[in-house]
Amino acid sequence: AIARVGTEDTPERAMLLAHLAVDRSYDGEPERRR
């Protein structure tokens, strides 16, 4: 979904990025989540 919404400032991109960070909480790579 992030790839499809593009890189412009939109509510959808903001929420998708935040959701991705949370759903990767246990990926062992906090430097990628922040």
PDB file of all heavy atoms in Angstrom:
ATOM      1  N   ALA A   1       0.830  -1.204   0.000  1.00  0.00           N
ATOM      2  CA  ALA A   1       0.000   0.000   0.000  1.00  0.00           C
ATOM      3  C   ALA A   1       0.868   1.258   0.000  1.00  0.00           C
ATOM      4  O   ALA A   1       0.545   2.241  -0.692  1.00  0.00           O
ATOM      5  CB  ALA A   1      -0.922  -0.013   1.217  1.00  0.00           C
ATOM      6  N   ILE A   2       1.965   1.242   0.738  1.00  0.00           N
ATOM      7  CA  ILE A   2       2.876   2.393   0.743  1.00  0.00           C
ATOM      8  C   ILE A   2       3.427   2.641  -0.657  1.00  0.00           C
ATOM      9  O   ILE A   2       3.516   3.787  -1.120  1.00  0.00           O
ATOM     10  CB  ILE A   2       4.016   2.167   1.756  1.00  0.00           C
ATOM     11  CG1 ILE A   2       3.476   2.226   3.184  1.00  0.00           C
ATOM     12  CG2 ILE A   2       5.124   3.203   1.579  1.00  0.00           C
ATOM     13  CD1 ILE A   2       4.477   1.799   4.245  1.00  0.00           C
ATOM     14  N   ALA A   3       3.790   1.555  -1.326  1.00  0.00           N
ATOM     15  CA  ALA A   3       4.324   1.699  -2.685  1.00  0.00           C
ATOM     16  C   ALA A   3       3.281   2.298  -3.628  1.00  0.00           C
ATOM     17  O   ALA A   3       3.620   3.096  -4.522  1.00  0.00           O
ATOM     18  CB  ALA A   3       4.788   0.343  -3.205  1.00  0.00           C
ATOM     19  N   ARG A   4       2.015   1.945  -3.431  1.00  0.00           N
ATOM     20  CA  ARG A   4       0.967   2.418  -4.336  1.00  0.00           C
ATOM     21  C   ARG A   4       0.559   3.867  -4.061  1.00  0.00           C
ATOM     22  O   ARG A   4       0.139   4.566  -4.989  1.00  0.00           O
ATOM     23  CB  ARG A   4      -0.266   1.517  -4.237  1.00  0.00           C
ATOM     24  CG  ARG A   4      -0.041   0.078  -4.692  1.00  0.00           C
ATOM     25  CD  ARG A   4       0.348  -0.016  -6.151  1.00  0.00           C
ATOM     26  NE  ARG A   4       0.599  -1.384  -6.564  1.00  0.00           N
ATOM     27  CZ  ARG A   4      -0.308  -2.178  -7.133  1.00  0.00           C
ATOM     28  NH1 ARG A   4      -1.527  -1.729  -7.355  1.00  0.00           N
ATOM     29  NH2 ARG A   4       0.007  -3.410  -7.478  1.00  0.00           N
ATOM     30  N   VAL A   5       0.636   4.331  -2.819  1.00  0.00           N
ATOM     31  CA  VAL A   5       0.168   5.698  -2.537  1.00  0.00           C
ATOM     32  C   VAL A   5       1.204   6.748  -2.939  1.00  0.00           C
ATOM     33  O   VAL A   5       0.885   7.937  -3.037  1.00  0.00           O
ATOM     34  CB  VAL A   5      -0.206   5.891  -1.051  1.00  0.00           C
ATOM     35  CG1 VAL A   5      -1.333   4.960  -0.659  1.00  0.00           C
ATOM     36  CG2 VAL A   5       0.995   5.735  -0.130  1.00  0.00           C
ATOM     37  N   GLY A   6       2.444   6.346  -3.156  1.00  0.00           N
ATOM     38  CA  GLY A   6       3.464   7.275  -3.594  1.00  0.00           C
ATOM     39  C   GLY A   6       4.105   8.039  -2.449  1.00  0.00           C
ATOM     40  O   GLY A   6       3.876   7.751  -1.274  1.00  0.00           O
ATOM     41  N   THR A   7       4.909   9.037  -2.788  1.00  0.00           N
ATOM     42  CA  THR A   7       5.737   9.731  -1.802  1.00  0.00           C
ATOM     43  C   THR A   7       5.207  11.104  -1.421  1.00  0.00           C
ATOM     44  O   THR A   7       5.836  11.814  -0.630  1.00  0.00           O
ATOM     45  CB  THR A   7       7.168   9.891  -2.347  1.00  0.00           C
ATOM     46  OG1 THR A   7       7.126  10.630  -3.575  1.00  0.00           O
ATOM     47  CG2 THR A   7       7.813   8.526  -2.583  1.00  0.00           C
ATOM     48  N   GLU A   8       4.076  11.518  -1.948  1.00  0.00           N
ATOM     49  CA  GLU A   8       3.507  12.810  -1.603  1.00  0.00           C
ATOM     50  C   GLU A   8       2.987  12.797  -0.161  1.00  0.00           C
ATOM     51  O   GLU A   8       2.676  11.747   0.406  1.00  0.00           O
ATOM     52  CB  GLU A   8       2.368  13.166  -2.559  1.00  0.00           C
ATOM     53  CG  GLU A   8       2.796  13.318  -4.008  1.00  0.00           C
ATOM     54  CD  GLU A   8       3.777  14.467  -4.192  1.00  0.00           C
ATOM     55  OE1 GLU A   8       3.550  15.546  -3.584  1.00  0.00           O
ATOM     56  OE2 GLU A   8       4.765  14.285  -4.923  1.00  0.00           O
ATOM     57  N   ASP A   9       2.890  13.996   0.433  1.00  0.00           N
ATOM     58  CA  ASP A   9       2.327  14.119   1.783  1.00  0.00           C
ATOM     59  C   ASP A   9       0.823  13.868   1.740  1.00  0.00           C
ATOM     60  O   ASP A   9       0.059  14.705   1.219  1.00  0.00           O
ATOM     61  CB  ASP A   9       2.583  15.516   2.344  1.00  0.00           C
ATOM     62  CG  ASP A   9       4.010  15.716   2.808  1.00  0.00           C
ATOM     63  OD1 ASP A   9       4.790  14.753   2.743  1.00  0.00           O
ATOM     64  OD2 ASP A   9       4.334  16.842   3.227  1.00  0.00           O
ATOM     65  N   THR A  10       0.395  12.744   2.252  1.00  0.00           N
ATOM     66  CA  THR A  10      -1.026  12.425   2.330  1.00  0.00           C
ATOM     67  C   THR A  10      -1.303  11.754   3.677  1.00  0.00           C
ATOM     68  O   THR A  10      -0.411  11.144   4.271  1.00  0.00           O
ATOM     69  CB  THR A  10      -1.459  11.461   1.213  1.00  0.00           C
ATOM     70  OG1 THR A  10      -0.714  10.220   1.345  1.00  0.00           O
ATOM     71  CG2 THR A  10      -1.218  12.057  -0.165  1.00  0.00           C
ATOM     72  N   PRO A  11      -2.533  11.845   4.161  1.00  0.00           N
ATOM     73  CA  PRO A  11      -2.883  11.123   5.380  1.00  0.00           C
ATOM     74  C   PRO A  11      -2.612   9.624   5.253  1.00  0.00           C
ATOM     75  O   PRO A  11      -2.159   8.979   6.207  1.00  0.00           O
ATOM     76  CB  PRO A  11      -4.373  11.406   5.552  1.00  0.00           C
ATOM     77  CG  PRO A  11      -4.592  12.703   4.856  1.00  0.00           C
ATOM     78  CD  PRO A  11      -3.653  12.670   3.677  1.00  0.00           C
ATOM     79  N   GLU A  12      -2.873   9.082   4.067  1.00  0.00           N
ATOM     80  CA  GLU A  12      -2.708   7.641   3.866  1.00  0.00           C
ATOM     81  C   GLU A  12      -1.245   7.222   4.044  1.00  0.00           C
ATOM     82  O   GLU A  12      -0.950   6.222   4.718  1.00  0.00           O
ATOM     83  CB  GLU A  12      -3.203   7.241   2.481  1.00  0.00           C
ATOM     84  CG  GLU A  12      -4.706   7.357   2.290  1.00  0.00           C
ATOM     85  CD  GLU A  12      -5.168   8.808   2.055  1.00  0.00           C
ATOM     86  OE1 GLU A  12      -4.309   9.675   1.776  1.00  0.00           O
ATOM     87  OE2 GLU A  12      -6.383   9.047   2.157  1.00  0.00           O
ATOM     88  N   ARG A  13      -0.333   7.989   3.461  1.00  0.00           N
ATOM     89  CA  ARG A  13       1.085   7.634   3.589  1.00  0.00           C
ATOM     90  C   ARG A  13       1.529   7.736   5.052  1.00  0.00           C
ATOM     91  O   ARG A  13       2.245   6.866   5.545  1.00  0.00           O
ATOM     92  CB  ARG A  13       1.953   8.535   2.704  1.00  0.00           C
ATOM     93  CG  ARG A  13       3.445   8.208   2.834  1.00  0.00           C
ATOM     94  CD  ARG A  13       4.308   8.917   1.807  1.00  0.00           C
ATOM     95  NE  ARG A  13       5.733   8.642   2.045  1.00  0.00           N
ATOM     96  CZ  ARG A  13       6.354   7.523   1.677  1.00  0.00           C
ATOM     97  NH1 ARG A  13       5.688   6.576   1.046  1.00  0.00           N
ATOM     98  NH2 ARG A  13       7.640   7.362   1.930  1.00  0.00           N
ATOM     99  N   ALA A  14       1.114   8.789   5.723  1.00  0.00           N
ATOM    100  CA  ALA A  14       1.507   8.961   7.125  1.00  0.00           C
ATOM    101  C   ALA A  14       1.035   7.778   7.969  1.00  0.00           C
ATOM    102  O   ALA A  14       1.812   7.199   8.741  1.00  0.00           O
ATOM    103  CB  ALA A  14       0.937  10.266   7.672  1.00  0.00           C
ATOM    104  N   MET A  15      -0.220   7.392   7.837  1.00  0.00           N
ATOM    105  CA  MET A  15      -0.753   6.313   8.658  1.00  0.00           C
ATOM    106  C   MET A  15      -0.134   4.965   8.297  1.00  0.00           C
ATOM    107  O   MET A  15       0.163   4.154   9.170  1.00  0.00           O
ATOM    108  CB  MET A  15      -2.281   6.265   8.540  1.00  0.00           C
ATOM    109  CG  MET A  15      -2.957   7.442   9.230  1.00  0.00           C
ATOM    110  SD  MET A  15      -4.764   7.301   9.286  1.00  0.00           S
ATOM    111  CE  MET A  15      -5.181   7.621   7.571  1.00  0.00           C
ATOM    112  N   LEU A  16       0.070   4.736   7.009  1.00  0.00           N
ATOM    113  CA  LEU A  16       0.671   3.465   6.592  1.00  0.00           C
ATOM    114  C   LEU A  16       2.090   3.321   7.136  1.00  0.00           C
ATOM    115  O   LEU A  16       2.488   2.241   7.597  1.00  0.00           O
ATOM    116  CB  LEU A  16       0.664   3.347   5.076  1.00  0.00           C
ATOM    117  CG  LEU A  16      -0.699   3.086   4.419  1.00  0.00           C
ATOM    118  CD1 LEU A  16      -0.639   3.353   2.916  1.00  0.00           C
ATOM    119  CD2 LEU A  16      -1.174   1.661   4.701  1.00  0.00           C
ATOM    120  N   LEU A  17       2.875   4.393   7.082  1.00  0.00           N
ATOM    121  CA  LEU A  17       4.239   4.329   7.618  1.00  0.00           C
ATOM    122  C   LEU A  17       4.221   4.020   9.113  1.00  0.00           C
ATOM    123  O   LEU A  17       5.027   3.221   9.601  1.00  0.00           O
ATOM    124  CB  LEU A  17       4.964   5.649   7.353  1.00  0.00           C
ATOM    125  CG  LEU A  17       5.354   5.939   5.908  1.00  0.00           C
ATOM    126  CD1 LEU A  17       5.830   7.398   5.774  1.00  0.00           C
ATOM    127  CD2 LEU A  17       6.443   4.990   5.427  1.00  0.00           C
ATOM    128  N   ALA A  18       3.312   4.669   9.837  1.00  0.00           N
ATOM    129  CA  ALA A  18       3.228   4.439  11.279  1.00  0.00           C
ATOM    130  C   ALA A  18       2.777   3.016  11.581  1.00  0.00           C
ATOM    131  O   ALA A  18       3.303   2.368  12.499  1.00  0.00           O
ATOM    132  CB  ALA A  18       2.277   5.449  11.915  1.00  0.00           C
ATOM    133  N   HIS A  19       1.809   2.512  10.834  1.00  0.00           N
ATOM    134  CA  HIS A  19       1.350   1.126  11.025  1.00  0.00           C
ATOM    135  C   HIS A  19       2.485   0.143  10.758  1.00  0.00           C
ATOM    136  O   HIS A  19       2.637  -0.851  11.470  1.00  0.00           O
ATOM    137  CB  HIS A  19       0.169   0.822  10.107  1.00  0.00           C
ATOM    138  CG  HIS A  19      -1.134   1.352  10.598  1.00  0.00           C
ATOM    139  ND1 HIS A  19      -2.238   0.557  10.812  1.00  0.00           N
ATOM    140  CD2 HIS A  19      -1.523   2.616  10.933  1.00  0.00           C
ATOM    141  CE1 HIS A  19      -3.244   1.284  11.242  1.00  0.00           C
ATOM    142  NE2 HIS A  19      -2.836   2.539  11.316  1.00  0.00           N
ATOM    143  N   LEU A  20       3.266   0.419   9.713  1.00  0.00           N
ATOM    144  CA  LEU A  20       4.372  -0.481   9.383  1.00  0.00           C
ATOM    145  C   LEU A  20       5.389  -0.523  10.520  1.00  0.00           C
ATOM    146  O   LEU A  20       5.896  -1.594  10.871  1.00  0.00           O
ATOM    147  CB  LEU A  20       5.043  -0.024   8.093  1.00  0.00           C
ATOM    148  CG  LEU A  20       6.234  -0.868   7.615  1.00  0.00           C
ATOM    149  CD1 LEU A  20       5.814  -2.306   7.353  1.00  0.00           C
ATOM    150  CD2 LEU A  20       6.843  -0.249   6.352  1.00  0.00           C
ATOM    151  N   ALA A  21       5.690   0.628  11.100  1.00  0.00           N
ATOM    152  CA  ALA A  21       6.656   0.676  12.197  1.00  0.00           C
ATOM    153  C   ALA A  21       6.188  -0.182  13.368  1.00  0.00           C
ATOM    154  O   ALA A  21       6.975  -0.936  13.959  1.00  0.00           O
ATOM    155  CB  ALA A  21       6.874   2.116  12.647  1.00  0.00           C
ATOM    156  N   VAL A  22       4.907  -0.091  13.727  1.00  0.00           N
ATOM    157  CA  VAL A  22       4.387  -0.872  14.851  1.00  0.00           C
ATOM    158  C   VAL A  22       4.376  -2.356  14.531  1.00  0.00           C
ATOM    159  O   VAL A  22       4.756  -3.190  15.356  1.00  0.00           O
ATOM    160  CB  VAL A  22       2.985  -0.379  15.243  1.00  0.00           C
ATOM    161  CG1 VAL A  22       2.332  -1.339  16.232  1.00  0.00           C
ATOM    162  CG2 VAL A  22       3.071   1.011  15.863  1.00  0.00           C
ATOM    163  N   ASP A  23       3.936  -2.713  13.324  1.00  0.00           N
ATOM    164  CA  ASP A  23       3.851  -4.138  12.985  1.00  0.00           C
ATOM    165  C   ASP A  23       5.224  -4.770  12.802  1.00  0.00           C
ATOM    166  O   ASP A  23       5.340  -5.996  12.720  1.00  0.00           O
ATOM    167  CB  ASP A  23       2.988  -4.348  11.742  1.00  0.00           C
ATOM    168  CG  ASP A  23       1.527  -4.596  12.093  1.00  0.00           C
ATOM    169  OD1 ASP A  23       1.255  -4.905  13.260  1.00  0.00           O
ATOM    170  OD2 ASP A  23       0.670  -4.470  11.213  1.00  0.00           O
ATOM    171  N   ARG A  24       6.265  -3.951  12.736  1.00  0.00           N
ATOM    172  CA  ARG A  24       7.623  -4.494  12.690  1.00  0.00           C
ATOM    173  C   ARG A  24       8.343  -4.330  14.037  1.00  0.00           C
ATOM    174  O   ARG A  24       9.570  -4.345  14.098  1.00  0.00           O
ATOM    175  CB  ARG A  24       8.408  -3.794  11.573  1.00  0.00           C
ATOM    176  CG  ARG A  24       8.010  -4.302  10.190  1.00  0.00           C
ATOM    177  CD  ARG A  24       8.651  -3.543   9.056  1.00  0.00           C
ATOM    178  NE  ARG A  24      10.062  -3.250   9.269  1.00  0.00           N
ATOM    179  CZ  ARG A  24      10.828  -2.580   8.404  1.00  0.00           C
ATOM    180  NH1 ARG A  24      10.294  -2.146   7.274  1.00  0.00           N
ATOM    181  NH2 ARG A  24      12.083  -2.351   8.652  1.00  0.00           N
ATOM    182  N   SER A  25       7.577  -4.211  15.115  1.00  0.00           N
ATOM    183  CA  SER A  25       8.172  -3.966  16.429  1.00  0.00           C
ATOM    184  C   SER A  25       9.196  -5.015  16.822  1.00  0.00           C
ATOM    185  O   SER A  25      10.143  -4.720  17.558  1.00  0.00           O
ATOM    186  CB  SER A  25       7.072  -3.909  17.496  1.00  0.00           C
ATOM    187  OG  SER A  25       6.293  -2.755  17.357  1.00  0.00           O
ATOM    188  N   TYR A  26       9.024  -6.244  16.348  1.00  0.00           N
ATOM    189  CA  TYR A  26       9.913  -7.330  16.748  1.00  0.00           C
ATOM    190  C   TYR A  26      10.833  -7.782  15.613  1.00  0.00           C
ATOM    191  O   TYR A  26      11.242  -8.938  15.567  1.00  0.00           O
ATOM    192  CB  TYR A  26       9.094  -8.512  17.272  1.00  0.00           C
ATOM    193  CG  TYR A  26       8.385  -8.196  18.574  1.00  0.00           C
ATOM    194  CD1 TYR A  26       7.056  -7.798  18.574  1.00  0.00           C
ATOM    195  CD2 TYR A  26       9.059  -8.266  19.788  1.00  0.00           C
ATOM    196  CE1 TYR A  26       6.403  -7.488  19.767  1.00  0.00           C
ATOM    197  CE2 TYR A  26       8.423  -7.961  20.967  1.00  0.00           C
ATOM    198  CZ  TYR A  26       7.098  -7.571  20.950  1.00  0.00           C
ATOM    199  OH  TYR A  26       6.469  -7.258  22.135  1.00  0.00           O
ATOM    200  N   ASP A  27      11.167  -6.854  14.723  1.00  0.00           N
ATOM    201  CA  ASP A  27      12.044  -7.237  13.614  1.00  0.00           C
ATOM    202  C   ASP A  27      13.522  -7.170  13.983  1.00  0.00           C
ATOM    203  O   ASP A  27      14.384  -7.532  13.176  1.00  0.00           O
ATOM    204  CB  ASP A  27      11.765  -6.387  12.376  1.00  0.00           C
ATOM    205  CG  ASP A  27      12.118  -4.910  12.559  1.00  0.00           C
ATOM    206  OD1 ASP A  27      12.603  -4.537  13.645  1.00  0.00           O
ATOM    207  OD2 ASP A  27      11.893  -4.125  11.618  1.00  0.00           O
ATOM    208  N   GLY A  28      13.831  -6.713  15.195  1.00  0.00           N
ATOM    209  CA  GLY A  28      15.224  -6.639  15.635  1.00  0.00           C
ATOM    210  C   GLY A  28      16.005  -5.499  15.019  1.00  0.00           C
ATOM    211  O   GLY A  28      17.222  -5.436  15.167  1.00  0.00           O
ATOM    212  N   GLU A  29      15.311  -4.585  14.348  1.00  0.00           N
ATOM    213  CA  GLU A  29      15.993  -3.498  13.645  1.00  0.00           C
ATOM    214  C   GLU A  29      15.356  -2.150  13.998  1.00  0.00           C
ATOM    215  O   GLU A  29      14.714  -1.512  13.154  1.00  0.00           O
ATOM    216  CB  GLU A  29      15.942  -3.723  12.138  1.00  0.00           C
ATOM    217  CG  GLU A  29      16.648  -4.998  11.683  1.00  0.00           C
ATOM    218  CD  GLU A  29      16.565  -5.206  10.190  1.00  0.00           C
ATOM    219  OE1 GLU A  29      15.446  -5.372   9.671  1.00  0.00           O
ATOM    220  OE2 GLU A  29      17.628  -5.181   9.542  1.00  0.00           O
ATOM    221  N   PRO A  30      15.520  -1.684  15.229  1.00  0.00           N
ATOM    222  CA  PRO A  30      14.894  -0.405  15.613  1.00  0.00           C
ATOM    223  C   PRO A  30      15.384   0.765  14.785  1.00  0.00           C
ATOM    224  O   PRO A  30      14.653   1.745  14.599  1.00  0.00           O
ATOM    225  CB  PRO A  30      15.300  -0.263  17.086  1.00  0.00           C
ATOM    226  CG  PRO A  30      16.520  -1.115  17.247  1.00  0.00           C
ATOM    227  CD  PRO A  30      16.302  -2.273  16.317  1.00  0.00           C
ATOM    228  N   GLU A  31      16.605   0.662  14.269  1.00  0.00           N
ATOM    229  CA  GLU A  31      17.138   1.754  13.466  1.00  0.00           C
ATOM    230  C   GLU A  31      16.371   1.915  12.152  1.00  0.00           C
ATOM    231  O   GLU A  31      16.435   2.972  11.515  1.00  0.00           O
ATOM    232  CB  GLU A  31      18.624   1.535  13.177  1.00  0.00           C
ATOM    233  CG  GLU A  31      18.947   0.374  12.251  1.00  0.00           C
ATOM    234  CD  GLU A  31      18.892  -0.994  12.935  1.00  0.00           C
ATOM    235  OE1 GLU A  31      18.659  -1.045  14.162  1.00  0.00           O
ATOM    236  OE2 GLU A  31      19.086  -2.014  12.226  1.00  0.00           O
ATOM    237  N   ARG A  32      15.626   0.884  11.747  1.00  0.00           N
ATOM    238  CA  ARG A  32      14.784   0.985  10.556  1.00  0.00           C
ATOM    239  C   ARG A  32      13.369   1.433  10.922  1.00  0.00           C
ATOM    240  O   ARG A  32      12.685   2.065  10.108  1.00  0.00           O
ATOM    241  CB  ARG A  32      14.720  -0.356   9.822  1.00  0.00           C
ATOM    242  CG  ARG A  32      16.047  -0.805   9.221  1.00  0.00           C
ATOM    243  CD  ARG A  32      15.888  -2.133   8.502  1.00  0.00           C
ATOM    244  NE  ARG A  32      14.925  -2.055   7.405  1.00  0.00           N
ATOM    245  CZ  ARG A  32      14.474  -3.117   6.745  1.00  0.00           C
ATOM    246  NH1 ARG A  32      14.896  -4.332   7.076  1.00  0.00           N
ATOM    247  NH2 ARG A  32      13.611  -2.974   5.756  1.00  0.00           N
ATOM    248  N   ARG A  33      12.914   1.137  12.122  1.00  0.00           N
ATOM    249  CA  ARG A  33      11.559   1.527  12.520  1.00  0.00           C
ATOM    250  C   ARG A  33      11.461   3.014  12.831  1.00  0.00           C
ATOM    251  O   ARG A  33      10.467   3.660  12.495  1.00  0.00           O
ATOM    252  CB  ARG A  33      11.106   0.723  13.752  1.00  0.00           C
ATOM    253  CG  ARG A  33      10.961  -0.757  13.512  1.00  0.00           C
ATOM    254  CD  ARG A  33      10.178  -1.419  14.618  1.00  0.00           C
ATOM    255  NE  ARG A  33      10.745  -1.228  15.939  1.00  0.00           N
ATOM    256  CZ  ARG A  33      11.676  -2.010  16.480  1.00  0.00           C
ATOM    257  NH1 ARG A  33      12.172  -3.027  15.771  1.00  0.00           N
ATOM    258  NH2 ARG A  33      12.119  -1.789  17.699  1.00  0.00           N
ATOM    259  N   ARG A  34      12.473   3.550  13.502  1.00  0.00           N
ATOM    260  CA  ARG A  34      12.385   4.941  13.932  1.00  0.00           C
ATOM    261  C   ARG A  34      12.207   5.910  12.755  1.00  0.00           C
ATOM    262  O   ARG A  34      11.348   6.808  12.812  1.00  0.00           O
ATOM    263  CB  ARG A  34      13.605   5.316  14.769  1.00  0.00           C
ATOM    264  CG  ARG A  34      13.517   6.728  15.329  1.00  0.00           C
ATOM    265  CD  ARG A  34      14.735   7.064  16.153  1.00  0.00           C
ATOM    266  NE  ARG A  34      14.770   6.349  17.402  1.00  0.00           N
ATOM    267  CZ  ARG A  34      14.090   6.712  18.487  1.00  0.00           C
ATOM    268  NH1 ARG A  34      13.288   7.759  18.444  1.00  0.00           N
ATOM    269  NH2 ARG A  34      14.190   6.028  19.593  1.00  0.00           N
TER     270      ARG A  34
END
